[in-house]
Amino acid sequence: VFATSALAGKEEKVQWSQLPAAVQKTITDNAEGGKVEEIEKETKSKDGKTITVYEAEVKKPDGKKLEIKVGEDGKLIELERD
């Protein structure tokens, strides 16, 4: 019963203006000219530390989608192409 709550995170939608500057830069650098459609902030605990990950959904000019995951320090975690 408790195993699922150990890594249970909290997700919330956030605005571009709420992102740290380093996160904004990483998303912009990896958006491939696309438009950010939605940003979620996910907070979870791991090994007693709280980790914040920002997840941006981007629609590229060709209609394809990207998902960019960035740590709160601006480090790129994952880039997923549709």
PDB file of N, CA and C in Angstrom:
ATOM      1  N   VAL A   1       0.834  -1.203   0.000  1.00  0.00           N
ATOM      2  CA  VAL A   1       0.000   0.000   0.000  1.00  0.00           C
ATOM      3  C   VAL A   1       0.867   1.251   0.000  1.00  0.00           C
ATOM      4  N   PHE A   2       1.934   1.245   0.782  1.00  0.00           N
ATOM      5  CA  PHE A   2       2.772   2.444   0.886  1.00  0.00           C
ATOM      6  C   PHE A   2       3.764   2.591  -0.256  1.00  0.00           C
ATOM      7  N   ALA A   3       4.040   1.521  -0.959  1.00  0.00           N
ATOM      8  CA  ALA A   3       5.026   1.552  -2.044  1.00  0.00           C
ATOM      9  C   ALA A   3       4.646   2.554  -3.133  1.00  0.00           C
ATOM     10  N   THR A   4       3.367   2.647  -3.460  1.00  0.00           N
ATOM     11  CA  THR A   4       2.954   3.559  -4.524  1.00  0.00           C
ATOM     12  C   THR A   4       3.111   5.016  -4.112  1.00  0.00           C
ATOM     13  N   SER A   5       2.980   5.306  -2.840  1.00  0.00           N
ATOM     14  CA  SER A   5       3.068   6.703  -2.403  1.00  0.00           C
ATOM     15  C   SER A   5       4.510   7.187  -2.273  1.00  0.00           C
ATOM     16  N   ALA A   6       5.476   6.280  -2.260  1.00  0.00           N
ATOM     17  CA  ALA A   6       6.875   6.665  -2.092  1.00  0.00           C
ATOM     18  C   ALA A   6       7.357   7.585  -3.210  1.00  0.00           C
ATOM     19  N   LEU A   7       6.948   7.299  -4.439  1.00  0.00           N
ATOM     20  CA  LEU A   7       7.367   8.136  -5.557  1.00  0.00           C
ATOM     21  C   LEU A   7       6.211   8.953  -6.123  1.00  0.00           C
ATOM     22  N   ALA A   8       5.106   8.961  -5.408  1.00  0.00           N
ATOM     23  CA  ALA A   8       3.951   9.719  -5.895  1.00  0.00           C
ATOM     24  C   ALA A   8       4.324  11.184  -6.018  1.00  0.00           C
ATOM     25  N   GLY A   9       4.030  11.746  -7.167  1.00  0.00           N
ATOM     26  CA  GLY A   9       4.377  13.138  -7.402  1.00  0.00           C
ATOM     27  C   GLY A   9       3.152  14.017  -7.483  1.00  0.00           C
ATOM     28  N   LYS A  10       3.421  15.295  -7.584  1.00  0.00           N
ATOM     29  CA  LYS A  10       2.352  16.264  -7.721  1.00  0.00           C
ATOM     30  C   LYS A  10       2.570  16.982  -9.041  1.00  0.00           C
ATOM     31  N   GLU A  11       1.553  17.006  -9.874  1.00  0.00           N
ATOM     32  CA  GLU A  11       1.669  17.694 -11.157  1.00  0.00           C
ATOM     33  C   GLU A  11       0.729  18.879 -11.184  1.00  0.00           C
ATOM     34  N   GLU A  12       1.213  19.971 -11.744  1.00  0.00           N
ATOM     35  CA  GLU A  12       0.355  21.136 -11.915  1.00  0.00           C
ATOM     36  C   GLU A  12       0.748  21.873 -13.183  1.00  0.00           C
ATOM     37  N   LYS A  13      -0.237  22.465 -13.825  1.00  0.00           N
ATOM     38  CA  LYS A  13       0.043  23.260 -15.020  1.00  0.00           C
ATOM     39  C   LYS A  13       0.614  24.604 -14.577  1.00  0.00           C
ATOM     40  N   VAL A  14       1.625  25.072 -15.297  1.00  0.00           N
ATOM     41  CA  VAL A  14       2.243  26.356 -14.972  1.00  0.00           C
ATOM     42  C   VAL A  14       2.362  27.202 -16.232  1.00  0.00           C
ATOM     43  N   GLN A  15       2.519  28.489 -16.028  1.00  0.00           N
ATOM     44  CA  GLN A  15       2.689  29.437 -17.131  1.00  0.00           C
ATOM     45  C   GLN A  15       4.182  29.605 -17.418  1.00  0.00           C
ATOM     46  N   TRP A  16       4.487  30.028 -18.636  1.00  0.00           N
ATOM     47  CA  TRP A  16       5.874  30.271 -19.054  1.00  0.00           C
ATOM     48  C   TRP A  16       6.583  31.209 -18.073  1.00  0.00           C
ATOM     49  N   SER A  17       5.879  32.237 -17.643  1.00  0.00           N
ATOM     50  CA  SER A  17       6.476  33.243 -16.749  1.00  0.00           C
ATOM     51  C   SER A  17       6.850  32.677 -15.377  1.00  0.00           C
ATOM     52  N   GLN A  18       6.311  31.504 -15.026  1.00  0.00           N
ATOM     53  CA  GLN A  18       6.614  30.891 -13.730  1.00  0.00           C
ATOM     54  C   GLN A  18       7.861  30.003 -13.775  1.00  0.00           C
ATOM     55  N   LEU A  19       8.401  29.800 -14.960  1.00  0.00           N
ATOM     56  CA  LEU A  19       9.572  28.929 -15.099  1.00  0.00           C
ATOM     57  C   LEU A  19      10.858  29.656 -14.753  1.00  0.00           C
ATOM     58  N   PRO A  20      11.805  28.959 -14.123  1.00  0.00           N
ATOM     59  CA  PRO A  20      13.126  29.561 -13.919  1.00  0.00           C
ATOM     60  C   PRO A  20      13.764  29.878 -15.274  1.00  0.00           C
ATOM     61  N   ALA A  21      14.584  30.908 -15.333  1.00  0.00           N
ATOM     62  CA  ALA A  21      15.218  31.339 -16.590  1.00  0.00           C
ATOM     63  C   ALA A  21      15.984  30.211 -17.276  1.00  0.00           C
ATOM     64  N   ALA A  22      16.685  29.386 -16.495  1.00  0.00           N
ATOM     65  CA  ALA A  22      17.472  28.286 -17.074  1.00  0.00           C
ATOM     66  C   ALA A  22      16.562  27.256 -17.749  1.00  0.00           C
ATOM     67  N   VAL A  23      15.379  27.038 -17.180  1.00  0.00           N
ATOM     68  CA  VAL A  23      14.410  26.092 -17.756  1.00  0.00           C
ATOM     69  C   VAL A  23      13.844  26.665 -19.058  1.00  0.00           C
ATOM     70  N   GLN A  24      13.516  27.953 -19.046  1.00  0.00           N
ATOM     71  CA  GLN A  24      13.016  28.617 -20.257  1.00  0.00           C
ATOM     72  C   GLN A  24      14.032  28.490 -21.391  1.00  0.00           C
ATOM     73  N   LYS A  25      15.300  28.720 -21.079  1.00  0.00           N
ATOM     74  CA  LYS A  25      16.352  28.666 -22.099  1.00  0.00           C
ATOM     75  C   LYS A  25      16.470  27.258 -22.686  1.00  0.00           C
ATOM     76  N   THR A  26      16.465  26.240 -21.843  1.00  0.00           N
ATOM     77  CA  THR A  26      16.598  24.858 -22.317  1.00  0.00           C
ATOM     78  C   THR A  26      15.415  24.476 -23.202  1.00  0.00           C
ATOM     79  N   ILE A  27      14.205  24.862 -22.795  1.00  0.00           N
ATOM     80  CA  ILE A  27      13.019  24.555 -23.602  1.00  0.00           C
ATOM     81  C   ILE A  27      13.120  25.265 -24.956  1.00  0.00           C
ATOM     82  N   THR A  28      13.468  26.547 -24.939  1.00  0.00           N
ATOM     83  CA  THR A  28      13.599  27.312 -26.185  1.00  0.00           C
ATOM     84  C   THR A  28      14.665  26.704 -27.099  1.00  0.00           C
ATOM     85  N   ASP A  29      15.807  26.328 -26.507  1.00  0.00           N
ATOM     86  CA  ASP A  29      16.912  25.750 -27.288  1.00  0.00           C
ATOM     87  C   ASP A  29      16.543  24.414 -27.933  1.00  0.00           C
ATOM     88  N   ASN A  30      15.584  23.696 -27.345  1.00  0.00           N
ATOM     89  CA  ASN A  30      15.237  22.361 -27.833  1.00  0.00           C
ATOM     90  C   ASN A  30      13.876  22.291 -28.523  1.00  0.00           C
ATOM     91  N   ALA A  31      13.184  23.406 -28.646  1.00  0.00           N
ATOM     92  CA  ALA A  31      11.828  23.416 -29.203  1.00  0.00           C
ATOM     93  C   ALA A  31      11.793  23.311 -30.725  1.00  0.00           C
ATOM     94  N   GLU A  32      12.960  23.414 -31.368  1.00  0.00           N
ATOM     95  CA  GLU A  32      13.074  23.278 -32.826  1.00  0.00           C
ATOM     96  C   GLU A  32      12.116  24.208 -33.570  1.00  0.00           C
ATOM     97  N   GLY A  33      11.980  25.435 -33.060  1.00  0.00           N
ATOM     98  CA  GLY A  33      11.148  26.426 -33.728  1.00  0.00           C
ATOM     99  C   GLY A  33       9.657  26.263 -33.462  1.00  0.00           C
ATOM    100  N   GLY A  34       9.315  25.353 -32.568  1.00  0.00           N
ATOM    101  CA  GLY A  34       7.905  25.085 -32.279  1.00  0.00           C
ATOM    102  C   GLY A  34       7.321  26.012 -31.221  1.00  0.00           C
ATOM    103  N   LYS A  35       6.024  25.856 -31.009  1.00  0.00           N
ATOM    104  CA  LYS A  35       5.289  26.677 -30.049  1.00  0.00           C
ATOM    105  C   LYS A  35       4.960  25.823 -28.830  1.00  0.00           C
ATOM    106  N   VAL A  36       5.279  26.340 -27.639  1.00  0.00           N
ATOM    107  CA  VAL A  36       4.976  25.635 -26.401  1.00  0.00           C
ATOM    108  C   VAL A  36       3.467  25.713 -26.171  1.00  0.00           C
ATOM    109  N   GLU A  37       2.827  24.543 -26.096  1.00  0.00           N
ATOM    110  CA  GLU A  37       1.378  24.503 -25.924  1.00  0.00           C
ATOM    111  C   GLU A  37       0.962  24.316 -24.473  1.00  0.00           C
ATOM    112  N   GLU A  38       1.778  23.595 -23.708  1.00  0.00           N
ATOM    113  CA  GLU A  38       1.413  23.311 -22.321  1.00  0.00           C
ATOM    114  C   GLU A  38       2.676  23.006 -21.531  1.00  0.00           C
ATOM    115  N   ILE A  39       2.688  23.448 -20.274  1.00  0.00           N
ATOM    116  CA  ILE A  39       3.831  23.164 -19.396  1.00  0.00           C
ATOM    117  C   ILE A  39       3.283  22.617 -18.086  1.00  0.00           C
ATOM    118  N   GLU A  40       3.878  21.529 -17.638  1.00  0.00           N
ATOM    119  CA  GLU A  40       3.510  20.964 -16.349  1.00  0.00           C
ATOM    120  C   GLU A  40       4.740  20.940 -15.459  1.00  0.00           C
ATOM    121  N   LYS A  41       4.503  21.203 -14.192  1.00  0.00           N
ATOM    122  CA  LYS A  41       5.561  21.133 -13.184  1.00  0.00           C
ATOM    123  C   LYS A  41       5.252  19.917 -12.329  1.00  0.00           C
ATOM    124  N   GLU A  42       6.200  19.011 -12.263  1.00  0.00           N
ATOM    125  CA  GLU A  42       6.006  17.793 -11.482  1.00  0.00           C
ATOM    126  C   GLU A  42       6.999  17.794 -10.329  1.00  0.00           C
ATOM    127  N   THR A  43       6.479  17.628  -9.138  1.00  0.00           N
ATOM    128  CA  THR A  43       7.323  17.590  -7.949  1.00  0.00           C
ATOM    129  C   THR A  43       7.212  16.200  -7.335  1.00  0.00           C
ATOM    130  N   LYS A  44       8.357  15.577  -7.111  1.00  0.00           N
ATOM    131  CA  LYS A  44       8.325  14.253  -6.484  1.00  0.00           C
ATOM    132  C   LYS A  44       9.491  14.108  -5.525  1.00  0.00           C
ATOM    133  N   SER A  45       9.360  13.170  -4.622  1.00  0.00           N
ATOM    134  CA  SER A  45      10.411  12.925  -3.644  1.00  0.00           C
ATOM    135  C   SER A  45      11.185  11.679  -4.027  1.00  0.00           C
ATOM    136  N   LYS A  46      12.498  11.786  -3.910  1.00  0.00           N
ATOM    137  CA  LYS A  46      13.349  10.631  -4.200  1.00  0.00           C
ATOM    138  C   LYS A  46      14.512  10.675  -3.221  1.00  0.00           C
ATOM    139  N   ASP A  47      14.705   9.600  -2.510  1.00  0.00           N
ATOM    140  CA  ASP A  47      15.781   9.496  -1.512  1.00  0.00           C
ATOM    141  C   ASP A  47      15.752  10.671  -0.534  1.00  0.00           C
ATOM    142  N   GLY A  48      14.570  11.066  -0.116  1.00  0.00           N
ATOM    143  CA  GLY A  48      14.437  12.148   0.861  1.00  0.00           C
ATOM    144  C   GLY A  48      14.595  13.544   0.285  1.00  0.00           C
ATOM    145  N   LYS A  49      14.862  13.640  -1.017  1.00  0.00           N
ATOM    146  CA  LYS A  49      15.006  14.945  -1.660  1.00  0.00           C
ATOM    147  C   LYS A  49      13.790  15.219  -2.531  1.00  0.00           C
ATOM    148  N   THR A  50      13.443  16.477  -2.646  1.00  0.00           N
ATOM    149  CA  THR A  50      12.344  16.853  -3.531  1.00  0.00           C
ATOM    150  C   THR A  50      12.932  17.241  -4.874  1.00  0.00           C
ATOM    151  N   ILE A  51      12.403  16.635  -5.937  1.00  0.00           N
ATOM    152  CA  ILE A  51      12.880  16.890  -7.295  1.00  0.00           C
ATOM    153  C   ILE A  51      11.759  17.549  -8.082  1.00  0.00           C
ATOM    154  N   THR A  52      12.100  18.613  -8.792  1.00  0.00           N
ATOM    155  CA  THR A  52      11.120  19.281  -9.635  1.00  0.00           C
ATOM    156  C   THR A  52      11.521  19.112 -11.093  1.00  0.00           C
ATOM    157  N   VAL A  53      10.570  18.652 -11.893  1.00  0.00           N
ATOM    158  CA  VAL A  53      10.791  18.460 -13.325  1.00  0.00           C
ATOM    159  C   VAL A  53       9.722  19.235 -14.082  1.00  0.00           C
ATOM    160  N   TYR A  54      10.150  19.967 -15.091  1.00  0.00           N
ATOM    161  CA  TYR A  54       9.205  20.704 -15.937  1.00  0.00           C
ATOM    162  C   TYR A  54       9.061  19.944 -17.247  1.00  0.00           C
ATOM    163  N   GLU A  55       7.814  19.781 -17.673  1.00  0.00           N
ATOM    164  CA  GLU A  55       7.521  19.034 -18.891  1.00  0.00           C
ATOM    165  C   GLU A  55       6.763  19.958 -19.846  1.00  0.00           C
ATOM    166  N   ALA A  56       7.365  20.222 -20.999  1.00  0.00           N
ATOM    167  CA  ALA A  56       6.737  21.122 -21.975  1.00  0.00           C
ATOM    168  C   ALA A  56       6.301  20.338 -23.203  1.00  0.00           C
ATOM    169  N   GLU A  57       5.070  20.578 -23.630  1.00  0.00           N
ATOM    170  CA  GLU A  57       4.576  20.004 -24.884  1.00  0.00           C
ATOM    171  C   GLU A  57       4.704  21.075 -25.944  1.00  0.00           C
ATOM    172  N   VAL A  58       5.404  20.733 -27.028  1.00  0.00           N
ATOM    173  CA  VAL A  58       5.697  21.699 -28.086  1.00  0.00           C
ATOM    174  C   VAL A  58       5.134  21.187 -29.412  1.00  0.00           C
ATOM    175  N   LYS A  59       4.495  22.087 -30.147  1.00  0.00           N
ATOM    176  CA  LYS A  59       4.016  21.749 -31.491  1.00  0.00           C
ATOM    177  C   LYS A  59       4.938  22.435 -32.480  1.00  0.00           C
ATOM    178  N   LYS A  60       5.617  21.623 -33.301  1.00  0.00           N
ATOM    179  CA  LYS A  60       6.568  22.158 -34.270  1.00  0.00           C
ATOM    180  C   LYS A  60       5.826  22.712 -35.490  1.00  0.00           C
ATOM    181  N   PRO A  61       6.524  23.555 -36.274  1.00  0.00           N
ATOM    182  CA  PRO A  61       5.902  24.140 -37.475  1.00  0.00           C
ATOM    183  C   PRO A  61       5.343  23.092 -38.447  1.00  0.00           C
ATOM    184  N   ASP A  62       5.937  21.876 -38.468  1.00  0.00           N
ATOM    185  CA  ASP A  62       5.458  20.831 -39.378  1.00  0.00           C
ATOM    186  C   ASP A  62       4.285  20.039 -38.797  1.00  0.00           C
ATOM    187  N   GLY A  63       3.812  20.451 -37.596  1.00  0.00           N
ATOM    188  CA  GLY A  63       2.664  19.793 -36.982  1.00  0.00           C
ATOM    189  C   GLY A  63       3.025  18.662 -36.033  1.00  0.00           C
ATOM    190  N   LYS A  64       4.285  18.238 -36.042  1.00  0.00           N
ATOM    191  CA  LYS A  64       4.713  17.171 -35.141  1.00  0.00           C
ATOM    192  C   LYS A  64       4.877  17.728 -33.728  1.00  0.00           C
ATOM    193  N   LYS A  65       4.849  16.822 -32.758  1.00  0.00           N
ATOM    194  CA  LYS A  65       4.947  17.253 -31.363  1.00  0.00           C
ATOM    195  C   LYS A  65       6.248  16.795 -30.727  1.00  0.00           C
ATOM    196  N   LEU A  66       6.678  17.578 -29.750  1.00  0.00           N
ATOM    197  CA  LEU A  66       7.859  17.281 -28.947  1.00  0.00           C
ATOM    198  C   LEU A  66       7.446  17.327 -27.492  1.00  0.00           C
ATOM    199  N   GLU A  67       8.088  16.520 -26.685  1.00  0.00           N
ATOM    200  CA  GLU A  67       7.914  16.627 -25.247  1.00  0.00           C
ATOM    201  C   GLU A  67       9.307  16.840 -24.675  1.00  0.00           C
ATOM    202  N   ILE A  68       9.458  17.937 -23.953  1.00  0.00           N
ATOM    203  CA  ILE A  68      10.762  18.287 -23.406  1.00  0.00           C
ATOM    204  C   ILE A  68      10.670  18.257 -21.886  1.00  0.00           C
ATOM    205  N   LYS A  69      11.520  17.449 -21.261  1.00  0.00           N
ATOM    206  CA  LYS A  69      11.563  17.381 -19.799  1.00  0.00           C
ATOM    207  C   LYS A  69      12.864  18.032 -19.338  1.00  0.00           C
ATOM    208  N   VAL A  70      12.724  18.964 -18.401  1.00  0.00           N
ATOM    209  CA  VAL A  70      13.869  19.745 -17.935  1.00  0.00           C
ATOM    210  C   VAL A  70      13.872  19.778 -16.408  1.00  0.00           C
ATOM    211  N   GLY A  71      15.049  19.612 -15.823  1.00  0.00           N
ATOM    212  CA  GLY A  71      15.182  19.725 -14.376  1.00  0.00           C
ATOM    213  C   GLY A  71      15.116  21.190 -13.966  1.00  0.00           C
ATOM    214  N   GLU A  72      14.872  21.435 -12.680  1.00  0.00           N
ATOM    215  CA  GLU A  72      14.743  22.818 -12.215  1.00  0.00           C
ATOM    216  C   GLU A  72      16.033  23.620 -12.375  1.00  0.00           C
ATOM    217  N   ASP A  73      17.160  22.916 -12.576  1.00  0.00           N
ATOM    218  CA  ASP A  73      18.449  23.586 -12.795  1.00  0.00           C
ATOM    219  C   ASP A  73      18.676  23.918 -14.272  1.00  0.00           C
ATOM    220  N   GLY A  74      17.691  23.562 -15.130  1.00  0.00           N
ATOM    221  CA  GLY A  74      17.815  23.857 -16.548  1.00  0.00           C
ATOM    222  C   GLY A  74      18.445  22.732 -17.357  1.00  0.00           C
ATOM    223  N   LYS A  75      18.757  21.628 -16.707  1.00  0.00           N
ATOM    224  CA  LYS A  75      19.392  20.497 -17.386  1.00  0.00           C
ATOM    225  C   LYS A  75      18.337  19.688 -18.137  1.00  0.00           C
ATOM    226  N   LEU A  76      18.624  19.395 -19.408  1.00  0.00           N
ATOM    227  CA  LEU A  76      17.719  18.595 -20.230  1.00  0.00           C
ATOM    228  C   LEU A  76      17.711  17.159 -19.708  1.00  0.00           C
ATOM    229  N   ILE A  77      16.518  16.652 -19.416  1.00  0.00           N
ATOM    230  CA  ILE A  77      16.373  15.287 -18.919  1.00  0.00           C
ATOM    231  C   ILE A  77      15.988  14.348 -20.052  1.00  0.00           C
ATOM    232  N   GLU A  78      15.017  14.790 -20.842  1.00  0.00           N
ATOM    233  CA  GLU A  78      14.516  13.932 -21.919  1.00  0.00           C
ATOM    234  C   GLU A  78      13.916  14.764 -23.032  1.00  0.00           C
ATOM    235  N   LEU A  79      14.122  14.320 -24.254  1.00  0.00           N
ATOM    236  CA  LEU A  79      13.539  14.966 -25.433  1.00  0.00           C
ATOM    237  C   LEU A  79      12.862  13.858 -26.219  1.00  0.00           C
ATOM    238  N   GLU A  80      11.536  13.938 -26.290  1.00  0.00           N
ATOM    239  CA  GLU A  80      10.769  12.873 -26.950  1.00  0.00           C
ATOM    240  C   GLU A  80      10.050  13.441 -28.157  1.00  0.00           C
ATOM    241  N   ARG A  81      10.337  12.851 -29.317  1.00  0.00           N
ATOM    242  CA  ARG A  81       9.694  13.304 -30.543  1.00  0.00           C
ATOM    243  C   ARG A  81       8.488  12.425 -30.872  1.00  0.00           C
ATOM    244  N   ASP A  82       7.459  13.033 -31.392  1.00  0.00           N
ATOM    245  CA  ASP A  82       6.249  12.319 -31.744  1.00  0.00           C
ATOM    246  C   ASP A  82       6.429  11.599 -33.076  1.00  0.00           C
TER     247      ASP A  82
END
